[in-house]
Amino acid sequence: FLLRQWLKSGGIDVDKDVRIVALPPTQMAASLEAGLIDGYCVG
């Protein structure tokens, strides 16, 4: 919810302009470092 809200606040169409994928929390930072994702929302 927060990620979509933040993206929408900049005028981004979250269903067309970007791709949102689900990952376990512990894999977020490594996936970012590997270039598999461009950002994330996590605890």
PDB file of all heavy atoms in Angstrom:
ATOM      1  N   PHE A   1       0.829  -1.203   0.000  1.00  0.00           N
ATOM      2  CA  PHE A   1       0.000   0.000   0.000  1.00  0.00           C
ATOM      3  C   PHE A   1       0.869   1.261   0.000  1.00  0.00           C
ATOM      4  O   PHE A   1       0.606   2.205  -0.741  1.00  0.00           O
ATOM      5  CB  PHE A   1      -0.932   0.006   1.213  1.00  0.00           C
ATOM      6  CG  PHE A   1      -1.695  -1.278   1.421  1.00  0.00           C
ATOM      7  CD1 PHE A   1      -1.952  -1.745   2.709  1.00  0.00           C
ATOM      8  CD2 PHE A   1      -2.157  -2.021   0.348  1.00  0.00           C
ATOM      9  CE1 PHE A   1      -2.650  -2.920   2.912  1.00  0.00           C
ATOM     10  CE2 PHE A   1      -2.864  -3.202   0.541  1.00  0.00           C
ATOM     11  CZ  PHE A   1      -3.106  -3.649   1.835  1.00  0.00           C
ATOM     12  N   LEU A   2       1.895   1.271   0.843  1.00  0.00           N
ATOM     13  CA  LEU A   2       2.749   2.451   0.968  1.00  0.00           C
ATOM     14  C   LEU A   2       3.545   2.704  -0.306  1.00  0.00           C
ATOM     15  O   LEU A   2       3.710   3.855  -0.729  1.00  0.00           O
ATOM     16  CB  LEU A   2       3.699   2.286   2.155  1.00  0.00           C
ATOM     17  CG  LEU A   2       3.050   2.175   3.536  1.00  0.00           C
ATOM     18  CD1 LEU A   2       4.083   1.806   4.577  1.00  0.00           C
ATOM     19  CD2 LEU A   2       2.340   3.460   3.915  1.00  0.00           C
ATOM     20  N   LEU A   3       4.052   1.631  -0.909  1.00  0.00           N
ATOM     21  CA  LEU A   3       4.830   1.775  -2.137  1.00  0.00           C
ATOM     22  C   LEU A   3       3.962   2.337  -3.255  1.00  0.00           C
ATOM     23  O   LEU A   3       4.356   3.272  -3.970  1.00  0.00           O
ATOM     24  CB  LEU A   3       5.425   0.425  -2.544  1.00  0.00           C
ATOM     25  CG  LEU A   3       6.250   0.399  -3.834  1.00  0.00           C
ATOM     26  CD1 LEU A   3       7.444   1.346  -3.753  1.00  0.00           C
ATOM     27  CD2 LEU A   3       6.728  -1.029  -4.132  1.00  0.00           C
ATOM     28  N   ARG A   4       2.779   1.778  -3.426  1.00  0.00           N
ATOM     29  CA  ARG A   4       1.868   2.265  -4.461  1.00  0.00           C
ATOM     30  C   ARG A   4       1.462   3.717  -4.183  1.00  0.00           C
ATOM     31  O   ARG A   4       1.404   4.548  -5.101  1.00  0.00           O
ATOM     32  CB  ARG A   4       0.635   1.363  -4.547  1.00  0.00           C
ATOM     33  CG  ARG A   4       0.907   0.018  -5.215  1.00  0.00           C
ATOM     34  CD  ARG A   4      -0.310  -0.906  -5.114  1.00  0.00           C
ATOM     35  NE  ARG A   4      -1.500  -0.332  -5.707  1.00  0.00           N
ATOM     36  CZ  ARG A   4      -1.896  -0.535  -6.966  1.00  0.00           C
ATOM     37  NH1 ARG A   4      -1.169  -1.300  -7.775  1.00  0.00           N
ATOM     38  NH2 ARG A   4      -3.013   0.000  -7.417  1.00  0.00           N
ATOM     39  N   GLN A   5       1.186   4.026  -2.934  1.00  0.00           N
ATOM     40  CA  GLN A   5       0.816   5.394  -2.560  1.00  0.00           C
ATOM     41  C   GLN A   5       1.932   6.376  -2.906  1.00  0.00           C
ATOM     42  O   GLN A   5       1.683   7.450  -3.478  1.00  0.00           O
ATOM     43  CB  GLN A   5       0.526   5.454  -1.059  1.00  0.00           C
ATOM     44  CG  GLN A   5       0.266   6.852  -0.509  1.00  0.00           C
ATOM     45  CD  GLN A   5       0.177   6.863   1.010  1.00  0.00           C
ATOM     46  OE1 GLN A   5      -0.287   5.902   1.633  1.00  0.00           O
ATOM     47  NE2 GLN A   5       0.626   7.946   1.630  1.00  0.00           N
ATOM     48  N   TRP A   6       3.162   5.993  -2.576  1.00  0.00           N
ATOM     49  CA  TRP A   6       4.311   6.873  -2.835  1.00  0.00           C
ATOM     50  C   TRP A   6       4.523   7.067  -4.338  1.00  0.00           C
ATOM     51  O   TRP A   6       4.733   8.186  -4.803  1.00  0.00           O
ATOM     52  CB  TRP A   6       5.564   6.297  -2.190  1.00  0.00           C
ATOM     53  CG  TRP A   6       6.778   7.166  -2.347  1.00  0.00           C
ATOM     54  CD1 TRP A   6       7.104   8.266  -1.602  1.00  0.00           C
ATOM     55  CD2 TRP A   6       7.824   7.005  -3.323  1.00  0.00           C
ATOM     56  NE1 TRP A   6       8.286   8.809  -2.060  1.00  0.00           N
ATOM     57  CE2 TRP A   6       8.747   8.056  -3.103  1.00  0.00           C
ATOM     58  CE3 TRP A   6       8.058   6.082  -4.343  1.00  0.00           C
ATOM     59  CZ2 TRP A   6       9.899   8.210  -3.882  1.00  0.00           C
ATOM     60  CZ3 TRP A   6       9.200   6.225  -5.127  1.00  0.00           C
ATOM     61  CH2 TRP A   6      10.103   7.282  -4.891  1.00  0.00           C
ATOM     62  N   LEU A   7       4.448   6.002  -5.100  1.00  0.00           N
ATOM     63  CA  LEU A   7       4.611   6.099  -6.550  1.00  0.00           C
ATOM     64  C   LEU A   7       3.518   6.979  -7.160  1.00  0.00           C
ATOM     65  O   LEU A   7       3.788   7.842  -8.004  1.00  0.00           O
ATOM     66  CB  LEU A   7       4.580   4.708  -7.176  1.00  0.00           C
ATOM     67  CG  LEU A   7       5.783   3.799  -6.876  1.00  0.00           C
ATOM     68  CD1 LEU A   7       5.484   2.364  -7.294  1.00  0.00           C
ATOM     69  CD2 LEU A   7       7.045   4.299  -7.573  1.00  0.00           C
ATOM     70  N   LYS A   8       2.286   6.772  -6.724  1.00  0.00           N
ATOM     71  CA  LYS A   8       1.174   7.564  -7.248  1.00  0.00           C
ATOM     72  C   LYS A   8       1.332   9.041  -6.925  1.00  0.00           C
ATOM     73  O   LYS A   8       0.889   9.904  -7.702  1.00  0.00           O
ATOM     74  CB  LYS A   8      -0.153   7.053  -6.674  1.00  0.00           C
ATOM     75  CG  LYS A   8      -0.641   5.743  -7.273  1.00  0.00           C
ATOM     76  CD  LYS A   8      -1.986   5.351  -6.670  1.00  0.00           C
ATOM     77  CE  LYS A   8      -2.552   4.093  -7.312  1.00  0.00           C
ATOM     78  NZ  LYS A   8      -3.876   3.740  -6.741  1.00  0.00           N
ATOM     79  N   SER A   9       1.960   9.361  -5.808  1.00  0.00           N
ATOM     80  CA  SER A   9       2.139  10.766  -5.413  1.00  0.00           C
ATOM     81  C   SER A   9       2.987  11.536  -6.416  1.00  0.00           C
ATOM     82  O   SER A   9       2.927  12.768  -6.478  1.00  0.00           O
ATOM     83  CB  SER A   9       2.772  10.852  -4.015  1.00  0.00           C
ATOM     84  OG  SER A   9       4.154  10.501  -4.055  1.00  0.00           O
ATOM     85  N   GLY A  10       3.785  10.830  -7.213  1.00  0.00           N
ATOM     86  CA  GLY A  10       4.600  11.463  -8.237  1.00  0.00           C
ATOM     87  C   GLY A  10       3.974  11.403  -9.616  1.00  0.00           C
ATOM     88  O   GLY A  10       4.623  11.737 -10.616  1.00  0.00           O
ATOM     89  N   GLY A  11       2.723  10.960  -9.692  1.00  0.00           N
ATOM     90  CA  GLY A  11       2.040  10.878 -10.977  1.00  0.00           C
ATOM     91  C   GLY A  11       2.342   9.611 -11.753  1.00  0.00           C
ATOM     92  O   GLY A  11       2.066   9.523 -12.954  1.00  0.00           O
ATOM     93  N   ILE A  12       2.890   8.612 -11.092  1.00  0.00           N
ATOM     94  CA  ILE A  12       3.249   7.350 -11.738  1.00  0.00           C
ATOM     95  C   ILE A  12       2.042   6.423 -11.765  1.00  0.00           C
ATOM     96  O   ILE A  12       1.359   6.243 -10.754  1.00  0.00           O
ATOM     97  CB  ILE A  12       4.427   6.685 -11.000  1.00  0.00           C
ATOM     98  CG1 ILE A  12       5.679   7.570 -11.098  1.00  0.00           C
ATOM     99  CG2 ILE A  12       4.715   5.291 -11.533  1.00  0.00           C
ATOM    100  CD1 ILE A  12       6.803   7.142 -10.190  1.00  0.00           C
ATOM    101  N   ASP A  13       1.773   5.845 -12.912  1.00  0.00           N
ATOM    102  CA  ASP A  13       0.715   4.846 -13.047  1.00  0.00           C
ATOM    103  C   ASP A  13       1.312   3.511 -12.612  1.00  0.00           C
ATOM    104  O   ASP A  13       2.104   2.904 -13.326  1.00  0.00           O
ATOM    105  CB  ASP A  13       0.234   4.765 -14.496  1.00  0.00           C
ATOM    106  CG  ASP A  13      -0.971   3.837 -14.667  1.00  0.00           C
ATOM    107  OD1 ASP A  13      -1.081   2.853 -13.908  1.00  0.00           O
ATOM    108  OD2 ASP A  13      -1.780   4.092 -15.569  1.00  0.00           O
ATOM    109  N   VAL A  14       0.937   3.059 -11.430  1.00  0.00           N
ATOM    110  CA  VAL A  14       1.588   1.879 -10.848  1.00  0.00           C
ATOM    111  C   VAL A  14       1.264   0.587 -11.604  1.00  0.00           C
ATOM    112  O   VAL A  14       1.978  -0.406 -11.469  1.00  0.00           O
ATOM    113  CB  VAL A  14       1.211   1.715  -9.362  1.00  0.00           C
ATOM    114  CG1 VAL A  14       1.791   2.837  -8.528  1.00  0.00           C
ATOM    115  CG2 VAL A  14      -0.303   1.651  -9.184  1.00  0.00           C
ATOM    116  N   ASP A  15       0.219   0.610 -12.395  1.00  0.00           N
ATOM    117  CA  ASP A  15      -0.155  -0.591 -13.141  1.00  0.00           C
ATOM    118  C   ASP A  15       0.467  -0.636 -14.538  1.00  0.00           C
ATOM    119  O   ASP A  15       0.510  -1.696 -15.164  1.00  0.00           O
ATOM    120  CB  ASP A  15      -1.675  -0.697 -13.249  1.00  0.00           C
ATOM    121  CG  ASP A  15      -2.342  -0.826 -11.887  1.00  0.00           C
ATOM    122  OD1 ASP A  15      -1.857  -1.654 -11.091  1.00  0.00           O
ATOM    123  OD2 ASP A  15      -3.321  -0.099 -11.633  1.00  0.00           O
ATOM    124  N   LYS A  16       0.971   0.490 -15.019  1.00  0.00           N
ATOM    125  CA  LYS A  16       1.529   0.544 -16.370  1.00  0.00           C
ATOM    126  C   LYS A  16       2.995   0.980 -16.408  1.00  0.00           C
ATOM    127  O   LYS A  16       3.771   0.475 -17.220  1.00  0.00           O
ATOM    128  CB  LYS A  16       0.694   1.496 -17.230  1.00  0.00           C
ATOM    129  CG  LYS A  16      -0.739   1.045 -17.457  1.00  0.00           C
ATOM    130  CD  LYS A  16      -1.489   2.054 -18.321  1.00  0.00           C
ATOM    131  CE  LYS A  16      -2.931   1.615 -18.557  1.00  0.00           C
ATOM    132  NZ  LYS A  16      -3.683   2.613 -19.380  1.00  0.00           N
ATOM    133  N   ASP A  17       3.360   1.938 -15.562  1.00  0.00           N
ATOM    134  CA  ASP A  17       4.689   2.543 -15.661  1.00  0.00           C
ATOM    135  C   ASP A  17       5.788   1.734 -14.994  1.00  0.00           C
ATOM    136  O   ASP A  17       6.960   1.870 -15.343  1.00  0.00           O
ATOM    137  CB  ASP A  17       4.683   3.947 -15.048  1.00  0.00           C
ATOM    138  CG  ASP A  17       3.795   4.913 -15.816  1.00  0.00           C
ATOM    139  OD1 ASP A  17       3.522   4.647 -17.003  1.00  0.00           O
ATOM    140  OD2 ASP A  17       3.371   5.925 -15.234  1.00  0.00           O
ATOM    141  N   VAL A  18       5.428   0.918 -13.998  1.00  0.00           N
ATOM    142  CA  VAL A  18       6.432   0.174 -13.232  1.00  0.00           C
ATOM    143  C   VAL A  18       5.963  -1.256 -13.020  1.00  0.00           C
ATOM    144  O   VAL A  18       4.796  -1.584 -13.260  1.00  0.00           O
ATOM    145  CB  VAL A  18       6.711   0.831 -11.856  1.00  0.00           C
ATOM    146  CG1 VAL A  18       7.299   2.220 -12.016  1.00  0.00           C
ATOM    147  CG2 VAL A  18       5.434   0.874 -11.011  1.00  0.00           C
ATOM    148  N   ARG A  19       6.873  -2.089 -12.568  1.00  0.00           N
ATOM    149  CA  ARG A  19       6.544  -3.464 -12.195  1.00  0.00           C
ATOM    150  C   ARG A  19       6.767  -3.605 -10.690  1.00  0.00           C
ATOM    151  O   ARG A  19       7.790  -3.166 -10.161  1.00  0.00           O
ATOM    152  CB  ARG A  19       7.449  -4.442 -12.954  1.00  0.00           C
ATOM    153  CG  ARG A  19       7.182  -5.911 -12.626  1.00  0.00           C
ATOM    154  CD  ARG A  19       8.168  -6.822 -13.327  1.00  0.00           C
ATOM    155  NE  ARG A  19       8.030  -6.762 -14.793  1.00  0.00           N
ATOM    156  CZ  ARG A  19       8.904  -6.202 -15.605  1.00  0.00           C
ATOM    157  NH1 ARG A  19      10.003  -5.636 -15.106  1.00  0.00           N
ATOM    158  NH2 ARG A  19       8.713  -6.197 -16.907  1.00  0.00           N
ATOM    159  N   ILE A  20       5.813  -4.206  -9.997  1.00  0.00           N
ATOM    160  CA  ILE A  20       5.939  -4.429  -8.555  1.00  0.00           C
ATOM    161  C   ILE A  20       5.926  -5.939  -8.306  1.00  0.00           C
ATOM    162  O   ILE A  20       5.013  -6.639  -8.747  1.00  0.00           O
ATOM    163  CB  ILE A  20       4.800  -3.747  -7.775  1.00  0.00           C
ATOM    164  CG1 ILE A  20       4.884  -2.226  -7.950  1.00  0.00           C
ATOM    165  CG2 ILE A  20       4.877  -4.102  -6.293  1.00  0.00           C
ATOM    166  CD1 ILE A  20       3.768  -1.455  -7.261  1.00  0.00           C
ATOM    167  N   VAL A  21       6.952  -6.423  -7.606  1.00  0.00           N
ATOM    168  CA  VAL A  21       7.092  -7.863  -7.366  1.00  0.00           C
ATOM    169  C   VAL A  21       7.206  -8.133  -5.862  1.00  0.00           C
ATOM    170  O   VAL A  21       7.603  -7.270  -5.091  1.00  0.00           O
ATOM    171  CB  VAL A  21       8.336  -8.427  -8.085  1.00  0.00           C
ATOM    172  CG1 VAL A  21       8.217  -8.239  -9.590  1.00  0.00           C
ATOM    173  CG2 VAL A  21       9.620  -7.762  -7.570  1.00  0.00           C
ATOM    174  N   ALA A  22       6.841  -9.339  -5.472  1.00  0.00           N
ATOM    175  CA  ALA A  22       6.922  -9.742  -4.067  1.00  0.00           C
ATOM    176  C   ALA A  22       8.206 -10.521  -3.824  1.00  0.00           C
ATOM    177  O   ALA A  22       8.543 -11.440  -4.577  1.00  0.00           O
ATOM    178  CB  ALA A  22       5.716 -10.601  -3.691  1.00  0.00           C
ATOM    179  N   LEU A  23       8.907 -10.147  -2.752  1.00  0.00           N
ATOM    180  CA  LEU A  23      10.133 -10.824  -2.338  1.00  0.00           C
ATOM    181  C   LEU A  23      10.149 -10.947  -0.823  1.00  0.00           C
ATOM    182  O   LEU A  23       9.585 -10.100  -0.125  1.00  0.00           O
ATOM    183  CB  LEU A  23      11.372 -10.020  -2.775  1.00  0.00           C
ATOM    184  CG  LEU A  23      11.681  -9.906  -4.269  1.00  0.00           C
ATOM    185  CD1 LEU A  23      12.777  -8.866  -4.480  1.00  0.00           C
ATOM    186  CD2 LEU A  23      12.108 -11.250  -4.823  1.00  0.00           C
ATOM    187  N   PRO A  24      10.800 -11.973  -0.282  1.00  0.00           N
ATOM    188  CA  PRO A  24      10.964 -12.045   1.169  1.00  0.00           C
ATOM    189  C   PRO A  24      11.780 -10.850   1.668  1.00  0.00           C
ATOM    190  O   PRO A  24      12.689 -10.382   0.963  1.00  0.00           O
ATOM    191  CB  PRO A  24      11.722 -13.360   1.388  1.00  0.00           C
ATOM    192  CG  PRO A  24      11.436 -14.167   0.158  1.00  0.00           C
ATOM    193  CD  PRO A  24      11.334 -13.171  -0.958  1.00  0.00           C
ATOM    194  N   PRO A  25      11.482 -10.340   2.846  1.00  0.00           N
ATOM    195  CA  PRO A  25      12.222  -9.183   3.370  1.00  0.00           C
ATOM    196  C   PRO A  25      13.734  -9.369   3.350  1.00  0.00           C
ATOM    197  O   PRO A  25      14.476  -8.434   3.002  1.00  0.00           O
ATOM    198  CB  PRO A  25      11.689  -9.059   4.806  1.00  0.00           C
ATOM    199  CG  PRO A  25      10.327  -9.648   4.750  1.00  0.00           C
ATOM    200  CD  PRO A  25      10.412 -10.772   3.758  1.00  0.00           C
ATOM    201  N   THR A  26      14.187 -10.555   3.715  1.00  0.00           N
ATOM    202  CA  THR A  26      15.626 -10.790   3.825  1.00  0.00           C
ATOM    203  C   THR A  26      16.345 -10.802   2.487  1.00  0.00           C
ATOM    204  O   THR A  26      17.576 -10.768   2.442  1.00  0.00           O
ATOM    205  CB  THR A  26      15.890 -12.118   4.546  1.00  0.00           C
ATOM    206  OG1 THR A  26      15.178 -13.172   3.861  1.00  0.00           O
ATOM    207  CG2 THR A  26      15.428 -12.060   5.989  1.00  0.00           C
ATOM    208  N   GLN A  27      15.596 -10.835   1.377  1.00  0.00           N
ATOM    209  CA  GLN A  27      16.215 -10.862   0.046  1.00  0.00           C
ATOM    210  C   GLN A  27      16.217  -9.506  -0.655  1.00  0.00           C
ATOM    211  O   GLN A  27      16.766  -9.359  -1.749  1.00  0.00           O
ATOM    212  CB  GLN A  27      15.507 -11.891  -0.839  1.00  0.00           C
ATOM    213  CG  GLN A  27      15.676 -13.322  -0.370  1.00  0.00           C
ATOM    214  CD  GLN A  27      14.960 -14.322  -1.271  1.00  0.00           C
ATOM    215  OE1 GLN A  27      14.586 -14.013  -2.403  1.00  0.00           O
ATOM    216  NE2 GLN A  27      14.751 -15.525  -0.760  1.00  0.00           N
ATOM    217  N   MET A  28      15.623  -8.497  -0.023  1.00  0.00           N
ATOM    218  CA  MET A  28      15.483  -7.200  -0.674  1.00  0.00           C
ATOM    219  C   MET A  28      16.827  -6.538  -0.977  1.00  0.00           C
ATOM    220  O   MET A  28      17.097  -6.132  -2.112  1.00  0.00           O
ATOM    221  CB  MET A  28      14.646  -6.272   0.201  1.00  0.00           C
ATOM    222  CG  MET A  28      13.196  -6.652   0.301  1.00  0.00           C
ATOM    223  SD  MET A  28      12.311  -6.424  -1.261  1.00  0.00           S
ATOM    224  CE  MET A  28      10.640  -6.716  -0.702  1.00  0.00           C
ATOM    225  N   ALA A  29      17.660  -6.390   0.055  1.00  0.00           N
ATOM    226  CA  ALA A  29      18.919  -5.661  -0.119  1.00  0.00           C
ATOM    227  C   ALA A  29      19.828  -6.351  -1.123  1.00  0.00           C
ATOM    228  O   ALA A  29      20.462  -5.695  -1.963  1.00  0.00           O
ATOM    229  CB  ALA A  29      19.622  -5.504   1.223  1.00  0.00           C
ATOM    230  N   ALA A  30      19.887  -7.675  -1.074  1.00  0.00           N
ATOM    231  CA  ALA A  30      20.728  -8.418  -2.012  1.00  0.00           C
ATOM    232  C   ALA A  30      20.207  -8.287  -3.438  1.00  0.00           C
ATOM    233  O   ALA A  30      20.985  -8.185  -4.389  1.00  0.00           O
ATOM    234  CB  ALA A  30      20.802  -9.883  -1.604  1.00  0.00           C
ATOM    235  N   SER A  31      18.893  -8.272  -3.598  1.00  0.00           N
ATOM    236  CA  SER A  31      18.303  -8.126  -4.931  1.00  0.00           C
ATOM    237  C   SER A  31      18.568  -6.741  -5.495  1.00  0.00           C
ATOM    238  O   SER A  31      18.789  -6.577  -6.702  1.00  0.00           O
ATOM    239  CB  SER A  31      16.792  -8.383  -4.864  1.00  0.00           C
ATOM    240  OG  SER A  31      16.516  -9.714  -4.480  1.00  0.00           O
ATOM    241  N   LEU A  32      18.565  -5.738  -4.629  1.00  0.00           N
ATOM    242  CA  LEU A  32      18.890  -4.376  -5.059  1.00  0.00           C
ATOM    243  C   LEU A  32      20.348  -4.289  -5.499  1.00  0.00           C
ATOM    244  O   LEU A  32      20.666  -3.730  -6.549  1.00  0.00           O
ATOM    245  CB  LEU A  32      18.627  -3.390  -3.925  1.00  0.00           C
ATOM    246  CG  LEU A  32      18.763  -1.907  -4.289  1.00  0.00           C
ATOM    247  CD1 LEU A  32      17.561  -1.447  -5.106  1.00  0.00           C
ATOM    248  CD2 LEU A  32      18.893  -1.050  -3.029  1.00  0.00           C
ATOM    249  N   GLU A  33      21.230  -4.872  -4.697  1.00  0.00           N
ATOM    250  CA  GLU A  33      22.660  -4.847  -5.003  1.00  0.00           C
ATOM    251  C   GLU A  33      22.961  -5.565  -6.315  1.00  0.00           C
ATOM    252  O   GLU A  33      23.825  -5.148  -7.093  1.00  0.00           O
ATOM    253  CB  GLU A  33      23.450  -5.483  -3.863  1.00  0.00           C
ATOM    254  CG  GLU A  33      24.953  -5.399  -4.031  1.00  0.00           C
ATOM    255  CD  GLU A  33      25.715  -5.940  -2.838  1.00  0.00           C
ATOM    256  OE1 GLU A  33      25.071  -6.524  -1.927  1.00  0.00           O
ATOM    257  OE2 GLU A  33      26.949  -5.778  -2.793  1.00  0.00           O
ATOM    258  N   ALA A  34      22.212  -6.626  -6.592  1.00  0.00           N
ATOM    259  CA  ALA A  34      22.425  -7.399  -7.815  1.00  0.00           C
ATOM    260  C   ALA A  34      21.782  -6.749  -9.038  1.00  0.00           C
ATOM    261  O   ALA A  34      21.953  -7.233 -10.158  1.00  0.00           O
ATOM    262  CB  ALA A  34      21.861  -8.808  -7.634  1.00  0.00           C
ATOM    263  N   GLY A  35      21.043  -5.669  -8.830  1.00  0.00           N
ATOM    264  CA  GLY A  35      20.402  -4.990  -9.944  1.00  0.00           C
ATOM    265  C   GLY A  35      19.117  -5.637 -10.414  1.00  0.00           C
ATOM    266  O   GLY A  35      18.607  -5.309 -11.487  1.00  0.00           O
ATOM    267  N   LEU A  36      18.578  -6.554  -9.624  1.00  0.00           N
ATOM    268  CA  LEU A  36      17.342  -7.244 -10.007  1.00  0.00           C
ATOM    269  C   LEU A  36      16.118  -6.373  -9.793  1.00  0.00           C
ATOM    270  O   LEU A  36      15.080  -6.568 -10.430  1.00  0.00           O
ATOM    271  CB  LEU A  36      17.204  -8.547  -9.213  1.00  0.00           C
ATOM    272  CG  LEU A  36      18.346  -9.554  -9.388  1.00  0.00           C
ATOM    273  CD1 LEU A  36      18.137 -10.754  -8.481  1.00  0.00           C
ATOM    274  CD2 LEU A  36      18.449  -9.993 -10.846  1.00  0.00           C
ATOM    275  N   ILE A  37      16.210  -5.428  -8.856  1.00  0.00           N
ATOM    276  CA  ILE A  37      15.137  -4.469  -8.601  1.00  0.00           C
ATOM    277  C   ILE A  37      15.753  -3.083  -8.470  1.00  0.00           C
ATOM    278  O   ILE A  37      16.955  -2.939  -8.232  1.00  0.00           O
ATOM    279  CB  ILE A  37      14.320  -4.827  -7.329  1.00  0.00           C
ATOM    280  CG1 ILE A  37      15.244  -4.953  -6.106  1.00  0.00           C
ATOM    281  CG2 ILE A  37      13.511  -6.098  -7.527  1.00  0.00           C
ATOM    282  CD1 ILE A  37      14.500  -5.213  -4.798  1.00  0.00           C
ATOM    283  N   ASP A  38      14.916  -2.074  -8.603  1.00  0.00           N
ATOM    284  CA  ASP A  38      15.389  -0.687  -8.548  1.00  0.00           C
ATOM    285  C   ASP A  38      15.056  -0.016  -7.216  1.00  0.00           C
ATOM    286  O   ASP A  38      15.512   1.099  -6.953  1.00  0.00           O
ATOM    287  CB  ASP A  38      14.759   0.109  -9.688  1.00  0.00           C
ATOM    288  CG  ASP A  38      15.146  -0.461 -11.045  1.00  0.00           C
ATOM    289  OD1 ASP A  38      16.309  -0.296 -11.440  1.00  0.00           O
ATOM    290  OD2 ASP A  38      14.286  -1.094 -11.688  1.00  0.00           O
ATOM    291  N   GLY A  39      14.286  -0.680  -6.414  1.00  0.00           N
ATOM    292  CA  GLY A  39      13.910  -0.146  -5.113  1.00  0.00           C
ATOM    293  C   GLY A  39      12.954  -1.090  -4.433  1.00  0.00           C
ATOM    294  O   GLY A  39      12.530  -2.084  -5.027  1.00  0.00           O
ATOM    295  N   TYR A  40      12.611  -0.769  -3.187  1.00  0.00           N
ATOM    296  CA  TYR A  40      11.700  -1.643  -2.458  1.00  0.00           C
ATOM    297  C   TYR A  40      11.141  -0.940  -1.236  1.00  0.00           C
ATOM    298  O   TYR A  40      11.656   0.092  -0.788  1.00  0.00           O
ATOM    299  CB  TYR A  40      12.398  -2.929  -2.024  1.00  0.00           C
ATOM    300  CG  TYR A  40      13.691  -2.761  -1.238  1.00  0.00           C
ATOM    301  CD1 TYR A  40      13.687  -2.386   0.102  1.00  0.00           C
ATOM    302  CD2 TYR A  40      14.928  -3.022  -1.834  1.00  0.00           C
ATOM    303  CE1 TYR A  40      14.861  -2.272   0.823  1.00  0.00           C
ATOM    304  CE2 TYR A  40      16.111  -2.908  -1.131  1.00  0.00           C
ATOM    305  CZ  TYR A  40      16.078  -2.522   0.211  1.00  0.00           C
ATOM    306  OH  TYR A  40      17.243  -2.400   0.927  1.00  0.00           O
ATOM    307  N   CYS A  41      10.079  -1.510  -0.710  1.00  0.00           N
ATOM    308  CA  CYS A  41       9.534  -1.099   0.583  1.00  0.00           C
ATOM    309  C   CYS A  41       9.612  -2.305   1.499  1.00  0.00           C
ATOM    310  O   CYS A  41       9.088  -3.375   1.182  1.00  0.00           O
ATOM    311  CB  CYS A  41       8.086  -0.625   0.456  1.00  0.00           C
ATOM    312  SG  CYS A  41       7.411   0.032   2.020  1.00  0.00           S
ATOM    313  N   VAL A  42      10.277  -2.131   2.644  1.00  0.00           N
ATOM    314  CA  VAL A  42      10.498  -3.249   3.554  1.00  0.00           C
ATOM    315  C   VAL A  42      10.694  -2.705   4.967  1.00  0.00           C
ATOM    316  O   VAL A  42      10.903  -1.494   5.164  1.00  0.00           O
ATOM    317  CB  VAL A  42      11.740  -4.071   3.107  1.00  0.00           C
ATOM    318  CG1 VAL A  42      13.033  -3.358   3.470  1.00  0.00           C
ATOM    319  CG2 VAL A  42      11.718  -5.485   3.676  1.00  0.00           C
ATOM    320  N   GLY A  43      10.630  -3.590   5.938  1.00  0.00           N
ATOM    321  CA  GLY A  43      10.905  -3.212   7.311  1.00  0.00           C
ATOM    322  C   GLY A  43      12.399  -3.177   7.574  1.00  0.00           C
ATOM    323  O   GLY A  43      13.204  -3.718   6.819  1.00  0.00           O
TER     324      GLY A  43
END
